[in-house]
Protein backbone atom coordinates (compact mmCIF):
# COMPACT_ATOMS: atom_id res chain seq x y z
CA MET A 1 6.60 -5.30 20.24
CA ASN A 2 7.88 -8.56 21.73
CA GLU A 3 8.63 -6.93 25.09
CA GLU A 4 5.24 -5.22 25.28
CA MET A 5 3.47 -8.44 24.28
CA GLY A 6 5.37 -10.26 27.03
CA TYR A 7 4.12 -7.76 29.61
CA ALA A 8 0.54 -8.01 28.29
CA THR A 9 0.63 -11.82 28.55
CA LYS A 10 2.18 -11.71 32.01
CA LYS A 11 -0.50 -9.28 33.21
CA VAL A 12 -3.29 -11.63 32.10
CA SER A 13 -1.42 -14.67 33.44
CA ASP A 14 -0.89 -13.03 36.84
CA ARG A 15 -4.57 -12.11 37.03
CA THR A 16 -5.63 -15.72 36.38
CA ASN A 17 -2.71 -17.14 38.39
CA ARG A 18 -1.80 -19.80 35.82
CA GLU A 19 0.53 -20.48 32.92
CA PHE A 20 -0.73 -20.10 29.37
CA SER A 21 -0.84 -22.46 26.44
CA SER A 22 0.32 -21.18 23.06
CA GLU A 23 -3.36 -20.84 22.07
CA LYS A 24 -4.04 -18.56 25.04
CA ILE A 25 -0.95 -16.46 24.26
CA TYR A 26 -2.19 -16.06 20.68
CA GLN A 27 -5.63 -15.06 22.02
CA VAL A 28 -4.03 -12.30 24.12
CA PHE A 29 -2.02 -11.16 21.06
CA LYS A 30 -5.16 -11.13 18.92
CA GLU A 31 -7.20 -9.17 21.49
CA GLN A 32 -4.47 -6.62 22.24
CA TYR A 33 -2.80 -6.11 18.85
CA ILE A 34 -5.05 -7.35 16.02
CA ASP A 35 -8.69 -6.82 17.06
CA TYR A 36 -8.12 -3.84 19.37
CA SER A 37 -10.54 -1.08 18.31
CA PRO A 38 -12.00 0.84 21.26
CA HIS A 39 -12.24 4.17 19.40
CA PHE A 40 -12.77 3.23 15.77
CA GLN A 41 -12.44 0.27 13.47
CA LEU A 42 -11.42 -0.05 9.86
CA VAL A 43 -14.36 -0.84 7.58
CA ASP A 44 -12.80 -0.33 4.15
CA TYR A 45 -10.17 1.60 2.24
CA ARG A 46 -9.28 2.30 -1.36
CA PHE A 47 -6.23 3.75 -3.04
CA GLU A 48 -6.05 5.89 -6.14
CA LYS A 49 -2.81 6.76 -7.84
CA GLY A 50 -2.63 10.30 -9.10
CA GLU A 51 0.28 12.65 -8.83
CA LYS A 52 0.58 11.15 -5.33
CA GLN A 53 -0.86 8.07 -3.69
CA GLU A 54 -4.33 8.95 -2.38
CA VAL A 55 -6.38 6.94 0.09
CA THR A 56 -9.95 7.02 1.30
CA LEU A 57 -10.48 5.27 4.62
CA ILE A 58 -13.90 4.34 5.95
CA LEU A 59 -13.95 3.89 9.71
CA LYS A 60 -16.73 3.09 12.13
CA GLN A 61 -16.67 5.29 15.21
CA ALA A 62 -19.40 4.60 17.75
CA ASP A 63 -22.41 3.99 15.48
CA GLN A 64 -21.30 6.32 12.71
CA TYR A 65 -19.25 5.76 9.60
CA ILE A 66 -16.65 8.38 8.83
CA GLU A 67 -14.62 8.88 5.68
CA LEU A 68 -11.02 10.08 5.87
CA GLN A 69 -8.77 11.26 3.05
CA GLY A 70 -5.00 11.26 2.87
CA LYS A 71 -2.22 11.49 0.33
CA SER A 72 1.52 11.02 0.16
CA THR A 73 4.19 9.44 -2.00
CA GLY A 74 3.53 5.99 -0.48
CA SER A 75 0.43 4.00 0.41
CA LEU A 76 1.07 3.51 4.12
CA ASP A 77 2.16 7.13 4.56
CA ALA A 78 -1.08 8.25 2.88
CA VAL A 79 -3.06 6.20 5.42
CA SER A 80 -0.98 7.66 8.23
CA ASN A 81 -1.58 11.20 6.96
CA ALA A 82 -5.33 10.58 6.81
CA LEU A 83 -5.37 9.40 10.43
CA LYS A 84 -3.10 12.20 11.67
CA THR A 85 -5.09 14.93 9.97
CA SER A 86 -8.55 13.65 10.87
CA PHE A 87 -7.78 12.96 14.54
CA GLN A 88 -5.24 15.80 15.03
CA LEU A 89 -2.49 13.34 15.98
CA ASP A 90 1.24 13.81 16.17
CA TYR A 91 3.20 10.56 15.95
CA GLU A 92 6.07 9.05 14.01
CA LEU A 93 5.93 5.70 12.27
CA GLU A 94 9.03 4.11 13.83
CA VAL A 95 8.75 0.39 13.07
CA TYR A 96 7.26 -1.47 10.14
CA GLU A 97 7.82 -5.21 9.86
CA GLN A 98 6.13 -7.83 7.77
CA HIS A 99 6.49 -11.56 7.35
CA SER A 100 4.72 -14.53 5.88
CA LEU A 101 2.75 -16.92 8.08
CA GLY A 102 3.32 -19.80 5.69
CA LYS A 103 5.49 -21.11 2.90
CA ASP A 104 3.28 -21.00 -0.17
CA SER A 105 1.75 -18.22 -2.23
CA LEU A 106 -1.57 -18.55 -0.37
CA ALA A 107 -0.02 -17.82 3.04
CA GLU A 108 -1.29 -14.94 5.09
CA ALA A 109 0.99 -12.02 5.87
CA CYS A 110 1.51 -10.41 9.26
CA ALA A 111 2.40 -6.73 9.53
CA GLN A 112 3.55 -5.12 12.78
CA ILE A 113 3.70 -1.36 13.19
CA GLY A 114 5.07 0.75 15.99
CA ILE A 115 4.33 4.45 16.23
CA SER A 116 5.87 6.81 18.75
CA HIS A 117 4.33 9.77 20.52
CA ASN A 118 6.09 11.62 23.34
CA ARG A 119 8.76 8.88 23.47
CA GLN A 120 6.14 6.18 24.04
CA MET A 121 5.62 3.32 21.55
CA TYR A 122 2.19 2.12 20.46
CA TRP A 123 1.96 -1.17 18.58
CA GLY A 124 -0.50 -2.74 16.21
CA ALA A 125 -0.59 -5.88 14.08
CA GLY A 126 -2.61 -7.02 11.10
CA ILE A 127 -3.00 -10.40 9.47
CA ASP A 128 -4.41 -10.87 5.99
CA GLU A 129 -3.65 -12.49 2.63
CA ASP A 130 -2.98 -8.97 1.31
CA ILE A 131 0.08 -7.37 2.94
CA MET A 132 -1.25 -3.85 2.35
CA LYS A 133 -4.52 -4.68 4.12
CA ALA A 134 -2.55 -6.22 7.01
CA SER A 135 -0.43 -3.05 7.17
CA VAL A 136 -3.43 -0.71 7.18
CA GLN A 137 -5.07 -2.82 9.91
CA ALA A 138 -1.86 -2.71 11.98
CA LEU A 139 -1.60 1.07 11.73
CA VAL A 140 -5.27 1.52 12.69
CA VAL A 141 -4.70 -0.63 15.80
CA ALA A 142 -1.56 1.31 16.76
CA VAL A 143 -3.47 4.60 16.45
CA ASN A 144 -6.32 3.12 18.53
CA ARG A 145 -3.78 2.26 21.23
CA LEU A 146 -2.43 5.82 21.09
CA GLU A 147 -5.95 7.23 21.40
CA ALA A 148 -6.66 4.91 24.37
CA SER A 149 -3.64 6.31 26.22
CA LYS A 150 -5.05 9.85 26.27
């Protein structure tokens, strides 16, 4: 993700013909990898544990709300299965990283996810106090980036 983020920042910097402050770099990161939702955006989700982990995702696509269902042995894989099935996607979850943005128990978490399709990587990031919410947000952004490439 670091390399792709570097190219994204350079592209914006070249267009404006000036160097960026750390705040501007974060703004590019936020626009490209956290808030990126040209096709759909995450509204809500809920997990239920049965024989397998089940998820219901609520997304907003255009002006409509859609509900997706998925299941698997793990939470993030259930979300991935819901997205793959509903949008007829074929990708592999290649990279999943998470880290704390602070030192205390109230710190936000950042999740970064990379999915691959046809040997191309698509990245997303999520930031939230809840690491699972950050992870779901990151995956939704990565899938949005995949959809935008079509």
